[in-house]
Amino acid sequence: MPLYEGIVLSSEKNAIVFDFGHAYTKCGFTGENGPRCIIASEIRQQKIGKVVRLYELSDDALYGALVDFIHLLYFRHLLVNPKERRVVIVESFLCTTKFRNMLVKVFFRHFEVPSILFTASHIMAALTLGVPSCLVMDCGYYETVVLPVYEGIALLKAHQVLPIAGQAIHQRLEALLCELSTIKVGHDSEVSVSSAKGYLTI
């Protein structure tokens, strides 16, 4: 291999991988074993002073929220210049076109990234195992998706979706904690978590 080709290959920087989920967002670099950070897919809006989820925002508020959220990922967690790194976005085939287009708009217009590659999460799961054909079960926050992959191609017509996933687990755990847990009040008395609001002070 000529010397100049080796210089080009060694100077090329690893791309950044983003996986924007309903509950959590994962990001990291290609070539690494795992993500650099996993944070909640939510942002605090200064105008209303509340924390909101990205997927629940309207078109007008989504652009600004994505700018703030991705800026947080780049400059607090990844510590890289977005203009110098290519972007890979791992997404579910159930991702809405509105959210995808808004991501492209934010990355190209605001952060001026060199390129963006969208890839399906189910196919990426098969590639990490090194198998061309498998049955992928994706347990997300709002739904569980089962999708067969054959020779690296996702068979979309054969997919199945169940509205039971991480959110149902969270709700069940919350109900069990409120039902079975108790809080000590004073020295001897105990009250349930659901009836302890009157004893709590800020």
N, C-alpha and C. Protein backbone atom coordinates (compact mmCIF):
# COMPACT_ATOMS: atom_id res chain seq x y z
N MET A 1 0.85 -1.19 0.00
CA MET A 1 0.00 0.00 0.00
C MET A 1 0.88 1.24 0.00
N PRO A 2 0.63 2.21 -0.85
CA PRO A 2 1.43 3.43 -0.88
C PRO A 2 1.35 4.17 0.45
N LEU A 3 2.38 4.97 0.71
CA LEU A 3 2.47 5.69 1.98
C LEU A 3 1.32 6.66 2.18
N TYR A 4 0.92 7.37 1.11
CA TYR A 4 -0.12 8.39 1.27
C TYR A 4 -1.46 7.76 1.60
N GLU A 5 -1.72 6.52 1.11
CA GLU A 5 -2.97 5.85 1.46
C GLU A 5 -3.02 5.52 2.94
N GLY A 6 -1.88 5.09 3.50
CA GLY A 6 -1.84 4.81 4.93
C GLY A 6 -2.05 6.04 5.77
N ILE A 7 -1.54 7.18 5.31
CA ILE A 7 -1.74 8.43 6.05
C ILE A 7 -3.21 8.82 6.05
N VAL A 8 -3.89 8.66 4.92
CA VAL A 8 -5.30 9.00 4.83
C VAL A 8 -6.13 8.11 5.75
N LEU A 9 -5.85 6.80 5.74
CA LEU A 9 -6.64 5.88 6.55
C LEU A 9 -6.42 6.11 8.05
N SER A 10 -5.19 6.41 8.45
CA SER A 10 -4.91 6.61 9.86
C SER A 10 -5.46 7.93 10.39
N SER A 11 -5.63 8.91 9.50
CA SER A 11 -6.12 10.21 9.95
C SER A 11 -7.64 10.29 9.94
N GLU A 12 -8.32 9.31 9.38
CA GLU A 12 -9.78 9.34 9.35
C GLU A 12 -10.33 9.04 10.74
N LYS A 13 -11.23 9.88 11.21
CA LYS A 13 -11.75 9.76 12.56
C LYS A 13 -12.98 8.86 12.58
N ASN A 14 -13.17 8.17 13.69
CA ASN A 14 -14.30 7.27 13.83
C ASN A 14 -15.61 8.04 13.81
N ALA A 15 -16.60 7.46 13.17
CA ALA A 15 -17.93 8.08 13.12
C ALA A 15 -18.61 7.95 14.47
N ILE A 16 -19.63 8.77 14.67
CA ILE A 16 -20.41 8.77 15.91
C ILE A 16 -21.74 8.06 15.65
N VAL A 17 -22.10 7.18 16.54
CA VAL A 17 -23.34 6.40 16.42
C VAL A 17 -24.35 6.93 17.43
N PHE A 18 -25.55 7.25 16.94
CA PHE A 18 -26.65 7.71 17.81
C PHE A 18 -27.81 6.73 17.70
N ASP A 19 -28.42 6.45 18.83
CA ASP A 19 -29.63 5.63 18.87
C ASP A 19 -30.64 6.37 19.75
N PHE A 20 -31.58 7.07 19.10
CA PHE A 20 -32.57 7.88 19.81
C PHE A 20 -33.80 7.02 20.12
N GLY A 21 -33.93 6.60 21.38
CA GLY A 21 -35.09 5.82 21.78
C GLY A 21 -36.14 6.69 22.46
N HIS A 22 -37.31 6.12 22.70
CA HIS A 22 -38.38 6.87 23.36
C HIS A 22 -38.01 7.20 24.79
N ALA A 23 -37.34 6.31 25.48
CA ALA A 23 -36.99 6.54 26.88
C ALA A 23 -35.53 6.95 27.05
N TYR A 24 -34.62 6.30 26.33
CA TYR A 24 -33.19 6.57 26.49
C TYR A 24 -32.52 6.72 25.14
N THR A 25 -31.44 7.50 25.14
CA THR A 25 -30.62 7.70 23.94
C THR A 25 -29.21 7.19 24.23
N LYS A 26 -28.69 6.42 23.29
CA LYS A 26 -27.34 5.88 23.40
C LYS A 26 -26.47 6.51 22.32
N CYS A 27 -25.23 6.82 22.64
CA CYS A 27 -24.30 7.37 21.66
C CYS A 27 -22.89 6.93 21.98
N GLY A 28 -22.09 6.82 20.93
CA GLY A 28 -20.71 6.39 21.09
C GLY A 28 -19.99 6.46 19.76
N PHE A 29 -18.86 5.77 19.66
CA PHE A 29 -18.03 5.80 18.48
C PHE A 29 -17.98 4.42 17.83
N THR A 30 -17.87 4.41 16.51
CA THR A 30 -17.70 3.15 15.80
C THR A 30 -16.36 2.52 16.19
N GLY A 31 -16.35 1.20 16.23
CA GLY A 31 -15.14 0.48 16.60
C GLY A 31 -15.01 0.21 18.08
N GLU A 32 -15.90 0.75 18.91
CA GLU A 32 -15.87 0.51 20.35
C GLU A 32 -16.90 -0.56 20.72
N ASN A 33 -16.67 -1.20 21.86
CA ASN A 33 -17.52 -2.32 22.27
C ASN A 33 -18.90 -1.90 22.76
N GLY A 34 -19.03 -0.67 23.24
CA GLY A 34 -20.31 -0.23 23.78
C GLY A 34 -20.45 1.27 23.67
N PRO A 35 -21.63 1.79 24.00
CA PRO A 35 -21.84 3.24 23.92
C PRO A 35 -21.06 4.00 24.99
N ARG A 36 -20.72 5.24 24.67
CA ARG A 36 -20.04 6.09 25.64
C ARG A 36 -20.99 6.57 26.73
N CYS A 37 -22.25 6.81 26.37
CA CYS A 37 -23.20 7.28 27.37
C CYS A 37 -24.60 6.82 27.01
N ILE A 38 -25.41 6.64 28.03
CA ILE A 38 -26.84 6.32 27.89
C ILE A 38 -27.58 7.29 28.79
N ILE A 39 -28.36 8.19 28.19
CA ILE A 39 -29.09 9.20 28.96
C ILE A 39 -30.56 9.19 28.56
N ALA A 40 -31.38 9.77 29.41
CA ALA A 40 -32.81 9.85 29.13
C ALA A 40 -33.08 10.76 27.94
N SER A 41 -34.02 10.36 27.09
CA SER A 41 -34.37 11.15 25.90
C SER A 41 -35.33 12.27 26.27
N GLU A 42 -34.83 13.20 27.06
CA GLU A 42 -35.65 14.30 27.53
C GLU A 42 -34.78 15.53 27.71
N ILE A 43 -35.41 16.68 27.69
CA ILE A 43 -34.69 17.95 27.80
C ILE A 43 -35.54 18.91 28.62
N ARG A 44 -34.88 19.75 29.38
CA ARG A 44 -35.60 20.76 30.16
C ARG A 44 -35.80 22.00 29.30
N GLN A 45 -37.05 22.38 29.11
CA GLN A 45 -37.38 23.58 28.35
C GLN A 45 -37.39 24.79 29.28
N GLN A 46 -36.57 25.76 28.93
CA GLN A 46 -36.41 26.92 29.81
C GLN A 46 -37.68 27.77 29.88
N LYS A 47 -38.45 27.81 28.79
CA LYS A 47 -39.63 28.68 28.77
C LYS A 47 -40.69 28.22 29.76
N ILE A 48 -40.91 26.91 29.84
CA ILE A 48 -41.95 26.39 30.72
C ILE A 48 -41.37 25.81 32.01
N GLY A 49 -40.05 25.62 32.05
CA GLY A 49 -39.41 25.11 33.25
C GLY A 49 -39.73 23.67 33.56
N LYS A 50 -40.04 22.87 32.54
CA LYS A 50 -40.38 21.46 32.74
C LYS A 50 -39.49 20.57 31.88
N VAL A 51 -39.35 19.33 32.33
CA VAL A 51 -38.61 18.33 31.56
C VAL A 51 -39.60 17.59 30.67
N VAL A 52 -39.34 17.56 29.37
CA VAL A 52 -40.25 16.95 28.40
C VAL A 52 -39.49 15.90 27.58
N ARG A 53 -40.21 14.90 27.14
CA ARG A 53 -39.62 13.87 26.28
C ARG A 53 -39.58 14.37 24.83
N LEU A 54 -38.54 13.97 24.11
CA LEU A 54 -38.35 14.45 22.75
C LEU A 54 -39.48 14.01 21.83
N TYR A 55 -39.92 12.77 21.97
CA TYR A 55 -40.92 12.22 21.04
C TYR A 55 -42.32 12.77 21.31
N GLU A 56 -42.50 13.50 22.41
CA GLU A 56 -43.82 14.04 22.73
C GLU A 56 -43.98 15.49 22.31
N LEU A 57 -42.95 16.08 21.71
CA LEU A 57 -42.99 17.49 21.35
C LEU A 57 -43.61 17.69 19.97
N SER A 58 -44.18 18.87 19.77
CA SER A 58 -44.74 19.23 18.47
C SER A 58 -43.63 19.68 17.53
N ASP A 59 -43.98 19.92 16.27
CA ASP A 59 -42.99 20.30 15.27
C ASP A 59 -42.28 21.60 15.63
N ASP A 60 -43.01 22.56 16.17
CA ASP A 60 -42.42 23.87 16.47
C ASP A 60 -41.38 23.77 17.59
N ALA A 61 -41.67 22.96 18.59
CA ALA A 61 -40.76 22.85 19.74
C ALA A 61 -39.68 21.79 19.55
N LEU A 62 -39.88 20.88 18.59
CA LEU A 62 -38.96 19.75 18.45
C LEU A 62 -37.59 20.19 17.96
N TYR A 63 -37.54 21.13 17.03
CA TYR A 63 -36.25 21.55 16.47
C TYR A 63 -35.34 22.11 17.55
N GLY A 64 -35.84 23.06 18.33
CA GLY A 64 -35.03 23.65 19.38
C GLY A 64 -34.63 22.65 20.45
N ALA A 65 -35.54 21.73 20.77
CA ALA A 65 -35.23 20.72 21.78
C ALA A 65 -34.14 19.77 21.29
N LEU A 66 -34.20 19.38 20.02
CA LEU A 66 -33.17 18.51 19.47
C LEU A 66 -31.81 19.21 19.41
N VAL A 67 -31.81 20.49 19.08
CA VAL A 67 -30.55 21.24 19.07
C VAL A 67 -29.91 21.23 20.46
N ASP A 68 -30.68 21.50 21.49
CA ASP A 68 -30.15 21.51 22.85
C ASP A 68 -29.71 20.12 23.30
N PHE A 69 -30.49 19.12 22.93
CA PHE A 69 -30.19 17.75 23.37
C PHE A 69 -28.93 17.22 22.68
N ILE A 70 -28.82 17.40 21.38
CA ILE A 70 -27.64 16.90 20.65
C ILE A 70 -26.40 17.71 21.03
N HIS A 71 -26.57 19.01 21.30
CA HIS A 71 -25.44 19.81 21.79
C HIS A 71 -24.92 19.24 23.11
N LEU A 72 -25.82 18.80 23.96
CA LEU A 72 -25.43 18.18 25.22
C LEU A 72 -24.63 16.90 24.98
N LEU A 73 -25.06 16.10 24.01
CA LEU A 73 -24.35 14.86 23.71
C LEU A 73 -22.95 15.13 23.17
N TYR A 74 -22.85 16.09 22.25
CA TYR A 74 -21.55 16.37 21.63
C TYR A 74 -20.56 16.96 22.62
N PHE A 75 -20.96 17.96 23.36
CA PHE A 75 -20.00 18.77 24.10
C PHE A 75 -19.91 18.45 25.59
N ARG A 76 -20.78 17.58 26.11
CA ARG A 76 -20.65 17.16 27.50
C ARG A 76 -20.23 15.70 27.61
N HIS A 77 -20.77 14.86 26.73
CA HIS A 77 -20.51 13.43 26.86
C HIS A 77 -19.46 12.91 25.87
N LEU A 78 -19.52 13.37 24.61
CA LEU A 78 -18.58 12.87 23.61
C LEU A 78 -17.33 13.74 23.49
N LEU A 79 -17.46 15.03 23.73
CA LEU A 79 -16.33 15.98 23.69
C LEU A 79 -15.62 15.96 22.35
N VAL A 80 -16.38 16.11 21.26
CA VAL A 80 -15.81 16.15 19.92
C VAL A 80 -16.45 17.28 19.13
N ASN A 81 -15.80 17.66 18.04
CA ASN A 81 -16.33 18.67 17.12
C ASN A 81 -17.26 17.98 16.12
N PRO A 82 -18.54 18.34 16.07
CA PRO A 82 -19.48 17.66 15.15
C PRO A 82 -19.12 17.83 13.68
N LYS A 83 -18.42 18.87 13.32
CA LYS A 83 -18.06 19.10 11.92
C LYS A 83 -16.99 18.13 11.41
N GLU A 84 -16.33 17.43 12.32
CA GLU A 84 -15.23 16.55 11.94
C GLU A 84 -15.61 15.08 11.96
N ARG A 85 -16.83 14.76 12.33
CA ARG A 85 -17.22 13.36 12.49
C ARG A 85 -18.46 13.03 11.66
N ARG A 86 -18.39 11.92 10.95
CA ARG A 86 -19.58 11.41 10.27
C ARG A 86 -20.56 10.85 11.29
N VAL A 87 -21.83 10.76 10.93
CA VAL A 87 -22.89 10.36 11.87
C VAL A 87 -23.60 9.12 11.35
N VAL A 88 -23.79 8.16 12.24
CA VAL A 88 -24.60 6.97 11.96
C VAL A 88 -25.77 6.97 12.94
N ILE A 89 -26.99 6.91 12.43
CA ILE A 89 -28.18 6.92 13.26
C ILE A 89 -28.85 5.55 13.17
N VAL A 90 -28.91 4.86 14.29
CA VAL A 90 -29.60 3.56 14.37
C VAL A 90 -31.05 3.82 14.75
N GLU A 91 -31.97 3.38 13.92
CA GLU A 91 -33.38 3.68 14.15
C GLU A 91 -34.25 2.46 13.93
N SER A 92 -35.41 2.47 14.55
CA SER A 92 -36.40 1.44 14.31
C SER A 92 -37.18 1.77 13.05
N PHE A 93 -37.68 0.73 12.38
CA PHE A 93 -38.48 1.00 11.18
C PHE A 93 -39.82 1.62 11.53
N LEU A 94 -40.17 1.67 12.81
CA LEU A 94 -41.40 2.34 13.25
C LEU A 94 -41.19 3.82 13.53
N CYS A 95 -39.96 4.31 13.37
CA CYS A 95 -39.69 5.72 13.60
C CYS A 95 -40.46 6.58 12.61
N THR A 96 -41.03 7.67 13.07
CA THR A 96 -41.86 8.51 12.21
C THR A 96 -40.99 9.32 11.25
N THR A 97 -41.56 9.63 10.11
CA THR A 97 -40.85 10.45 9.12
C THR A 97 -40.61 11.86 9.64
N LYS A 98 -41.52 12.36 10.44
CA LYS A 98 -41.36 13.70 11.01
C LYS A 98 -40.11 13.79 11.87
N PHE A 99 -39.92 12.81 12.73
CA PHE A 99 -38.76 12.82 13.62
C PHE A 99 -37.47 12.63 12.83
N ARG A 100 -37.48 11.76 11.82
CA ARG A 100 -36.29 11.53 11.00
C ARG A 100 -35.90 12.78 10.23
N ASN A 101 -36.87 13.43 9.63
CA ASN A 101 -36.57 14.66 8.88
C ASN A 101 -36.05 15.77 9.79
N MET A 102 -36.59 15.85 10.99
CA MET A 102 -36.12 16.88 11.92
C MET A 102 -34.69 16.60 12.37
N LEU A 103 -34.34 15.33 12.55
CA LEU A 103 -32.96 14.98 12.90
C LEU A 103 -32.00 15.41 11.79
N VAL A 104 -32.36 15.11 10.55
CA VAL A 104 -31.51 15.51 9.41
C VAL A 104 -31.35 17.02 9.36
N LYS A 105 -32.42 17.72 9.57
CA LYS A 105 -32.39 19.18 9.55
C LYS A 105 -31.46 19.74 10.62
N VAL A 106 -31.53 19.18 11.82
CA VAL A 106 -30.70 19.66 12.93
C VAL A 106 -29.23 19.34 12.69
N PHE A 107 -28.93 18.12 12.26
CA PHE A 107 -27.54 17.71 12.07
C PHE A 107 -26.87 18.49 10.93
N PHE A 108 -27.58 18.69 9.82
CA PHE A 108 -26.95 19.35 8.68
C PHE A 108 -26.94 20.87 8.82
N ARG A 109 -28.05 21.45 9.26
CA ARG A 109 -28.13 22.91 9.31
C ARG A 109 -27.42 23.49 10.53
N HIS A 110 -27.62 22.90 11.68
CA HIS A 110 -27.06 23.50 12.90
C HIS A 110 -25.65 23.00 13.19
N PHE A 111 -25.44 21.69 13.13
CA PHE A 111 -24.14 21.13 13.51
C PHE A 111 -23.21 20.90 12.32
N GLU A 112 -23.74 20.98 11.09
CA GLU A 112 -22.95 20.91 9.87
C GLU A 112 -22.07 19.66 9.82
N VAL A 113 -22.68 18.51 10.07
CA VAL A 113 -21.94 17.25 10.02
C VAL A 113 -21.62 16.90 8.57
N PRO A 114 -20.53 16.14 8.32
CA PRO A 114 -20.15 15.81 6.94
C PRO A 114 -21.15 14.90 6.23
N SER A 115 -21.70 13.89 6.95
CA SER A 115 -22.63 12.95 6.33
C SER A 115 -23.45 12.26 7.40
N ILE A 116 -24.59 11.69 6.99
CA ILE A 116 -25.47 10.95 7.89
C ILE A 116 -25.84 9.63 7.22
N LEU A 117 -25.76 8.55 7.98
CA LEU A 117 -26.18 7.24 7.50
C LEU A 117 -27.25 6.71 8.45
N PHE A 118 -28.44 6.39 7.91
CA PHE A 118 -29.49 5.76 8.69
C PHE A 118 -29.43 4.25 8.49
N THR A 119 -29.52 3.52 9.59
CA THR A 119 -29.49 2.07 9.51
C THR A 119 -30.53 1.48 10.45
N ALA A 120 -31.08 0.34 10.09
CA ALA A 120 -32.15 -0.28 10.88
C ALA A 120 -31.57 -1.00 12.09
N SER A 121 -32.21 -0.81 13.22
CA SER A 121 -31.71 -1.40 14.47
C SER A 121 -31.77 -2.93 14.44
N HIS A 122 -32.79 -3.50 13.79
CA HIS A 122 -32.91 -4.95 13.76
C HIS A 122 -31.81 -5.60 12.93
N ILE A 123 -31.44 -4.96 11.83
CA ILE A 123 -30.35 -5.50 11.01
C ILE A 123 -29.02 -5.36 11.74
N MET A 124 -28.83 -4.25 12.45
CA MET A 124 -27.59 -4.06 13.21
C MET A 124 -27.45 -5.11 14.32
N ALA A 125 -28.58 -5.50 14.91
CA ALA A 125 -28.51 -6.54 15.93
C ALA A 125 -28.03 -7.86 15.35
N ALA A 126 -28.44 -8.17 14.12
CA ALA A 126 -27.98 -9.39 13.47
C ALA A 126 -26.50 -9.29 13.09
N LEU A 127 -26.06 -8.12 12.66
CA LEU A 127 -24.66 -7.95 12.26
C LEU A 127 -23.70 -8.11 13.43
N THR A 128 -24.11 -7.65 14.61
CA THR A 128 -23.23 -7.79 15.78
C THR A 128 -23.01 -9.24 16.16
N LEU A 129 -23.98 -10.11 15.82
CA LEU A 129 -23.82 -11.54 16.10
C LEU A 129 -23.09 -12.26 14.98
N GLY A 130 -22.95 -11.60 13.83
CA GLY A 130 -22.27 -12.23 12.70
C GLY A 130 -23.11 -13.28 12.00
N VAL A 131 -24.43 -13.18 12.10
CA VAL A 131 -25.32 -14.15 11.45
C VAL A 131 -26.18 -13.41 10.42
N PRO A 132 -26.37 -13.97 9.23
CA PRO A 132 -27.18 -13.28 8.21
C PRO A 132 -28.68 -13.41 8.43
N SER A 133 -29.10 -14.48 9.14
CA SER A 133 -30.54 -14.71 9.33
C SER A 133 -30.81 -14.98 10.81
N CYS A 134 -31.83 -14.32 11.34
CA CYS A 134 -32.20 -14.52 12.74
C CYS A 134 -33.57 -13.90 12.99
N LEU A 135 -34.07 -14.12 14.18
CA LEU A 135 -35.33 -13.51 14.63
C LEU A 135 -34.99 -12.52 15.73
N VAL A 136 -35.25 -11.24 15.49
CA VAL A 136 -34.86 -10.18 16.40
C VAL A 136 -36.07 -9.72 17.21
N MET A 137 -35.92 -9.68 18.53
CA MET A 137 -36.96 -9.14 19.42
C MET A 137 -36.43 -7.86 20.04
N ASP A 138 -37.07 -6.77 19.76
CA ASP A 138 -36.66 -5.45 20.25
C ASP A 138 -37.65 -5.01 21.32
N CYS A 139 -37.22 -5.05 22.58
CA CYS A 139 -38.07 -4.62 23.69
C CYS A 139 -37.75 -3.16 24.00
N GLY A 140 -38.58 -2.26 23.52
CA GLY A 140 -38.38 -0.84 23.72
C GLY A 140 -39.11 -0.34 24.96
N TYR A 141 -39.55 0.91 24.91
CA TYR A 141 -40.26 1.49 26.06
C TYR A 141 -41.77 1.40 25.89
N TYR A 142 -42.27 1.65 24.69
CA TYR A 142 -43.71 1.63 24.45
C TYR A 142 -44.20 0.32 23.83
N GLU A 143 -43.36 -0.36 23.04
CA GLU A 143 -43.79 -1.57 22.38
C GLU A 143 -42.63 -2.54 22.23
N THR A 144 -42.99 -3.81 22.00
CA THR A 144 -42.02 -4.87 21.71
C THR A 144 -42.24 -5.30 20.26
N VAL A 145 -41.18 -5.28 19.48
CA VAL A 145 -41.25 -5.59 18.06
C VAL A 145 -40.46 -6.85 17.78
N VAL A 146 -41.08 -7.80 17.10
CA VAL A 146 -40.42 -9.03 16.66
C VAL A 146 -40.35 -9.00 15.14
N LEU A 147 -39.14 -9.13 14.61
CA LEU A 147 -38.93 -8.98 13.17
C LEU A 147 -37.91 -10.00 12.69
N PRO A 148 -38.26 -10.82 11.70
CA PRO A 148 -37.27 -11.76 11.15
C PRO A 148 -36.34 -11.06 10.16
N VAL A 149 -35.08 -11.46 10.19
CA VAL A 149 -34.07 -10.97 9.26
C VAL A 149 -33.53 -12.17 8.49
N TYR A 150 -33.59 -12.10 7.16
CA TYR A 150 -33.13 -13.21 6.32
C TYR A 150 -32.08 -12.71 5.35
N GLU A 151 -30.88 -13.25 5.47
CA GLU A 151 -29.75 -12.87 4.61
C GLU A 151 -29.51 -11.36 4.61
N GLY A 152 -29.61 -10.77 5.81
CA GLY A 152 -29.35 -9.34 5.95
C GLY A 152 -30.48 -8.43 5.53
N ILE A 153 -31.65 -8.99 5.22
CA ILE A 153 -32.80 -8.20 4.77
C ILE A 153 -33.93 -8.38 5.79
N ALA A 154 -34.47 -7.27 6.29
CA ALA A 154 -35.58 -7.32 7.24
C ALA A 154 -36.89 -7.60 6.51
N LEU A 155 -37.61 -8.61 6.94
CA LEU A 155 -38.89 -8.98 6.34
C LEU A 155 -40.00 -8.21 7.06
N LEU A 156 -40.29 -7.01 6.56
CA LEU A 156 -41.21 -6.11 7.24
C LEU A 156 -42.63 -6.65 7.29
N LYS A 157 -43.05 -7.42 6.28
CA LYS A 157 -44.41 -7.94 6.26
C LYS A 157 -44.64 -8.99 7.34
N ALA A 158 -43.58 -9.55 7.89
CA ALA A 158 -43.72 -10.61 8.89
C ALA A 158 -43.54 -10.10 10.31
N HIS A 159 -43.48 -8.80 10.50
CA HIS A 159 -43.21 -8.28 11.84
C HIS A 159 -44.47 -8.35 12.71
N GLN A 160 -44.24 -8.42 14.02
CA GLN A 160 -45.31 -8.43 15.00
C GLN A 160 -44.99 -7.39 16.07
N VAL A 161 -46.02 -6.67 16.53
CA VAL A 161 -45.84 -5.60 17.51
C VAL A 161 -46.79 -5.84 18.68
N LEU A 162 -46.26 -5.75 19.90
CA LEU A 162 -47.06 -5.86 21.11
C LEU A 162 -46.92 -4.56 21.92
N PRO A 163 -48.01 -4.01 22.42
CA PRO A 163 -47.93 -2.76 23.21
C PRO A 163 -47.54 -3.02 24.66
N ILE A 164 -46.62 -3.93 24.88
CA ILE A 164 -46.14 -4.25 26.23
C ILE A 164 -44.63 -4.20 26.19
N ALA A 165 -44.03 -3.32 26.99
CA ALA A 165 -42.57 -3.18 26.97
C ALA A 165 -42.11 -2.55 28.28
N GLY A 166 -41.07 -1.72 28.21
CA GLY A 166 -40.48 -1.16 29.42
C GLY A 166 -41.43 -0.31 30.23
N GLN A 167 -42.33 0.41 29.58
CA GLN A 167 -43.27 1.26 30.30
C GLN A 167 -44.19 0.43 31.20
N ALA A 168 -44.63 -0.72 30.71
CA ALA A 168 -45.49 -1.58 31.51
C ALA A 168 -44.74 -2.11 32.74
N ILE A 169 -43.45 -2.40 32.57
CA ILE A 169 -42.65 -2.86 33.71
C ILE A 169 -42.50 -1.75 34.75
N HIS A 170 -42.24 -0.52 34.28
CA HIS A 170 -42.12 0.61 35.19
C HIS A 170 -43.42 0.84 35.96
N GLN A 171 -44.55 0.78 35.28
CA GLN A 171 -45.83 1.00 35.94
C GLN A 171 -46.13 -0.09 36.96
N ARG A 172 -45.76 -1.33 36.64
CA ARG A 172 -45.99 -2.43 37.58
C ARG A 172 -45.11 -2.30 38.81
N LEU A 173 -43.84 -1.93 38.61
CA LEU A 173 -42.95 -1.73 39.75
C LEU A 173 -43.42 -0.58 40.63
N GLU A 174 -43.90 0.49 40.01
CA GLU A 174 -44.41 1.63 40.77
C GLU A 174 -45.63 1.23 41.59
N ALA A 175 -46.52 0.42 40.99
CA ALA A 175 -47.71 -0.02 41.72
C ALA A 175 -47.33 -0.92 42.89
N LEU A 176 -46.34 -1.80 42.70
CA LEU A 176 -45.92 -2.68 43.80
C LEU A 176 -45.26 -1.89 44.92
N LEU A 177 -44.46 -0.88 44.57
CA LEU A 177 -43.83 -0.06 45.61
C LEU A 177 -44.87 0.71 46.42
N CYS A 178 -45.86 1.26 45.74
CA CYS A 178 -46.90 2.00 46.45
C CYS A 178 -47.76 1.09 47.31
N GLU A 179 -47.92 -0.16 46.88
CA GLU A 179 -48.80 -1.08 47.59
C GLU A 179 -48.12 -1.76 48.77
N LEU A 180 -46.86 -2.13 48.60
CA LEU A 180 -46.20 -2.97 49.60
C LEU A 180 -45.19 -2.23 50.47
N SER A 181 -44.68 -1.10 50.01
CA SER A 181 -43.64 -0.40 50.77
C SER A 181 -44.25 0.48 51.85
N THR A 182 -43.48 0.68 52.90
CA THR A 182 -43.90 1.54 54.00
C THR A 182 -42.78 2.52 54.35
N ILE A 183 -43.17 3.62 54.98
CA ILE A 183 -42.22 4.65 55.41
C ILE A 183 -42.38 4.85 56.90
N LYS A 184 -41.25 4.91 57.57
CA LYS A 184 -41.30 5.15 59.01
C LYS A 184 -41.61 6.61 59.30
N VAL A 185 -42.57 6.83 60.18
CA VAL A 185 -42.95 8.18 60.62
C VAL A 185 -42.78 8.22 62.12
N GLY A 186 -41.87 9.04 62.58
CA GLY A 186 -41.59 9.06 64.01
C GLY A 186 -40.72 7.88 64.40
N HIS A 187 -40.96 7.34 65.60
CA HIS A 187 -40.14 6.25 66.12
C HIS A 187 -40.77 4.88 65.90
N ASP A 188 -42.06 4.78 66.03
CA ASP A 188 -42.70 3.46 66.00
C ASP A 188 -43.69 3.27 64.86
N SER A 189 -44.31 4.33 64.38
CA SER A 189 -45.38 4.19 63.40
C SER A 189 -44.84 4.11 61.99
N GLU A 190 -45.58 3.41 61.14
CA GLU A 190 -45.26 3.27 59.72
C GLU A 190 -46.51 3.51 58.90
N VAL A 191 -46.33 4.14 57.72
CA VAL A 191 -47.44 4.38 56.81
C VAL A 191 -47.05 3.90 55.42
N SER A 192 -48.04 3.61 54.61
CA SER A 192 -47.76 3.17 53.24
C SER A 192 -47.28 4.34 52.40
N VAL A 193 -46.61 4.02 51.28
CA VAL A 193 -46.07 5.06 50.40
C VAL A 193 -47.19 5.90 49.80
N SER A 194 -48.30 5.27 49.44
CA SER A 194 -49.39 6.00 48.80
C SER A 194 -50.04 7.02 49.73
N SER A 195 -50.01 6.77 51.04
CA SER A 195 -50.63 7.69 52.00
C SER A 195 -49.62 8.55 52.72
N ALA A 196 -48.37 8.59 52.24
CA ALA A 196 -47.31 9.33 52.94
C ALA A 196 -47.13 10.74 52.43
N LYS A 197 -47.96 11.19 51.48
CA LYS A 197 -47.77 12.53 50.92
C LYS A 197 -47.95 13.63 51.97
N GLY A 198 -48.83 13.38 52.94
CA GLY A 198 -49.07 14.39 53.96
C GLY A 198 -47.91 14.54 54.92
N TYR A 199 -47.01 13.54 54.96
CA TYR A 199 -45.88 13.61 55.87
C TYR A 199 -44.63 14.16 55.21
N LEU A 200 -44.67 14.30 53.89
CA LEU A 200 -43.48 14.75 53.16
C LEU A 200 -43.44 16.26 53.08
N THR A 201 -42.27 16.82 53.30
CA THR A 201 -42.08 18.27 53.18
C THR A 201 -40.92 18.55 52.26
N ILE A 202 -40.96 19.66 51.54
CA ILE A 202 -39.91 20.03 50.61
C ILE A 202 -38.87 20.90 51.34
